[in-house]
Amino acid sequence: MLRHILPTAALAVILASGAQADDGRAKLTIVYDQQLPNVEGKSIKAVLVEYGPGGASPAHTHPKSAFIYATVLEGAIRSQVNSGPAKVYHAGESFAEFPGDFHRVSANARSTEPARLLAVFVVGTNETNLTNFED
């Protein structure tokens, strides 16, 4: 059983105030961080990603140890991983990223309403930088 949900404020990784910065970037907040008791050196970390209308994140990678499962909670997210096609995911739909993947596009697919997704990482416990932006 997963326990010990840590307070969001104590774990916040905020790139901007509000759902989107003036430069259109997303707001990222770690909402869960738990070491796996049966897999030494691995943790589950969940990140809430909030995009304002028309918002986007720069191209990025994640730690080489990271497997990511993402679910769209609200709105629609446009995503492109590696050289695959760009795809729009709507609320309730999910996608995965594998270790070493390059996330070329991650954006709100709509210009008039916000979008949110929950990205759940299985990652090395010592990883502190979950997203490496390419800009």
Protein backbone atom coordinates (compact mmCIF):
# COMPACT_ATOMS: atom_id res chain seq x y z
CA MET A 1 0.00 0.00 0.00
CA LEU A 2 1.33 3.44 -0.86
CA ARG A 3 1.38 5.75 2.14
CA HIS A 4 2.80 9.02 3.35
CA ILE A 5 1.45 11.47 0.81
CA LEU A 6 3.67 14.47 1.39
CA PRO A 7 2.19 17.96 1.47
CA THR A 8 2.16 19.47 -1.99
CA ALA A 9 3.57 22.79 -0.76
CA ALA A 10 6.65 21.04 0.62
CA LEU A 11 7.34 19.38 -2.73
CA ALA A 12 6.31 22.10 -5.15
CA VAL A 13 8.48 22.49 -8.23
CA ILE A 14 6.96 25.61 -9.71
CA LEU A 15 8.14 27.14 -12.93
CA ALA A 16 5.54 29.87 -12.78
CA SER A 17 2.89 31.33 -10.54
CA GLY A 18 -0.63 30.41 -11.56
CA ALA A 19 -1.33 27.79 -14.21
CA GLN A 20 0.98 29.41 -16.71
CA ALA A 21 3.89 31.84 -16.71
CA ASP A 22 4.04 34.94 -18.86
CA ASP A 23 6.22 32.97 -21.27
CA GLY A 24 3.45 30.32 -21.67
CA ARG A 25 5.22 27.53 -19.79
CA ALA A 26 3.41 24.99 -17.67
CA LYS A 27 3.20 24.89 -13.90
CA LEU A 28 4.70 21.66 -12.52
CA THR A 29 3.93 20.47 -8.98
CA ILE A 30 5.13 17.24 -7.39
CA VAL A 31 2.06 15.85 -5.66
CA TYR A 32 3.39 12.46 -4.55
CA ASP A 33 6.83 11.06 -3.71
CA GLN A 34 7.24 7.58 -2.22
CA GLN A 35 10.15 5.16 -2.19
CA LEU A 36 9.18 1.69 -3.35
CA PRO A 37 9.68 -0.67 -0.41
CA ASN A 38 10.13 -3.71 -2.66
CA VAL A 39 12.43 -2.16 -5.32
CA GLU A 40 15.60 -0.76 -3.81
CA GLY A 41 16.65 2.61 -5.22
CA LYS A 42 13.34 3.33 -7.01
CA SER A 43 10.50 5.71 -6.17
CA ILE A 44 7.13 6.68 -7.54
CA LYS A 45 6.81 10.44 -8.09
CA ALA A 46 3.67 12.06 -9.44
CA VAL A 47 3.76 15.46 -11.12
CA LEU A 48 0.70 17.60 -11.82
CA VAL A 49 1.26 19.53 -15.08
CA GLU A 50 -1.04 22.53 -15.61
CA TYR A 51 -1.23 24.44 -18.88
CA GLY A 52 -3.06 27.70 -19.31
CA PRO A 53 -4.91 28.25 -22.61
CA GLY A 54 -2.42 27.76 -25.44
CA GLY A 55 0.40 26.98 -22.99
CA ALA A 56 3.30 24.64 -23.72
CA SER A 57 6.51 23.21 -22.33
CA PRO A 58 9.80 23.37 -24.23
CA ALA A 59 11.17 20.14 -25.68
CA HIS A 60 12.60 18.04 -22.87
CA THR A 61 13.93 14.75 -21.58
CA HIS A 62 13.59 12.99 -18.24
CA PRO A 63 16.14 11.05 -16.19
CA LYS A 64 17.48 7.91 -17.90
CA SER A 65 15.99 5.89 -15.03
CA ALA A 66 12.45 7.21 -15.59
CA PHE A 67 9.42 5.37 -16.92
CA ILE A 68 6.44 7.74 -17.12
CA TYR A 69 2.72 7.05 -17.37
CA ALA A 70 0.64 10.20 -18.00
CA THR A 71 -3.13 10.68 -17.84
CA VAL A 72 -4.93 13.78 -19.07
CA LEU A 73 -7.17 15.07 -16.26
CA GLU A 74 -8.72 18.09 -17.98
CA GLY A 75 -8.81 19.50 -21.50
CA ALA A 76 -6.61 18.21 -24.31
CA ILE A 77 -2.82 17.77 -24.52
CA ARG A 78 -0.80 17.64 -27.75
CA SER A 79 2.20 15.35 -27.37
CA GLN A 80 5.01 14.12 -29.59
CA VAL A 81 7.66 11.72 -28.33
CA ASN A 82 10.84 11.00 -30.31
CA SER A 83 10.13 10.96 -34.06
CA GLY A 84 6.60 9.59 -33.67
CA PRO A 85 3.55 11.52 -34.83
CA ALA A 86 2.09 14.32 -32.72
CA LYS A 87 -1.15 13.19 -31.10
CA VAL A 88 -3.86 14.95 -29.10
CA TYR A 89 -4.96 13.21 -25.91
CA HIS A 90 -8.24 14.20 -24.25
CA ALA A 91 -9.38 13.98 -20.62
CA GLY A 92 -9.28 10.34 -19.53
CA GLU A 93 -6.71 9.25 -22.13
CA SER A 94 -3.17 8.15 -21.26
CA PHE A 95 0.27 7.70 -22.79
CA ALA A 96 3.70 6.48 -21.69
CA GLU A 97 7.29 7.64 -22.04
CA PHE A 98 10.19 5.22 -21.79
CA PRO A 99 13.71 5.78 -20.43
CA GLY A 100 15.70 7.92 -22.85
CA ASP A 101 12.69 9.27 -24.79
CA PHE A 102 12.79 12.83 -26.13
CA HIS A 103 9.50 14.70 -25.59
CA ARG A 104 9.46 17.07 -28.57
CA VAL A 105 5.98 18.54 -28.03
CA SER A 106 3.96 18.89 -24.83
CA ALA A 107 1.26 21.54 -25.07
CA ASN A 108 -2.32 22.48 -24.38
CA ALA A 109 -4.14 21.63 -27.61
CA ARG A 110 -6.68 24.38 -26.98
CA SER A 111 -6.19 28.13 -26.91
CA THR A 112 -9.32 28.98 -24.92
CA GLU A 113 -9.31 26.66 -21.89
CA PRO A 114 -6.77 25.13 -19.48
CA ALA A 115 -5.47 21.57 -19.54
CA ARG A 116 -4.02 19.36 -16.79
CA LEU A 117 -2.27 16.02 -16.76
CA LEU A 118 -0.84 13.76 -14.08
CA ALA A 119 2.56 12.26 -14.93
CA VAL A 120 3.53 9.31 -12.73
CA PHE A 121 7.26 8.50 -12.73
CA VAL A 122 8.95 5.28 -11.67
CA VAL A 123 12.41 6.73 -11.24
CA GLY A 124 15.66 6.45 -9.32
CA THR A 125 15.04 7.66 -5.76
CA ASN A 126 17.99 10.06 -5.88
CA GLU A 127 16.75 11.86 -9.01
CA THR A 128 15.88 15.43 -8.07
CA ASN A 129 15.60 17.00 -11.54
CA LEU A 130 12.71 15.22 -13.25
CA THR A 131 12.59 17.39 -16.39
CA ASN A 132 15.53 18.67 -18.44
CA PHE A 133 14.41 21.40 -20.82
CA GLU A 134 16.19 21.81 -24.15
CA ASP A 135 15.83 25.61 -24.47
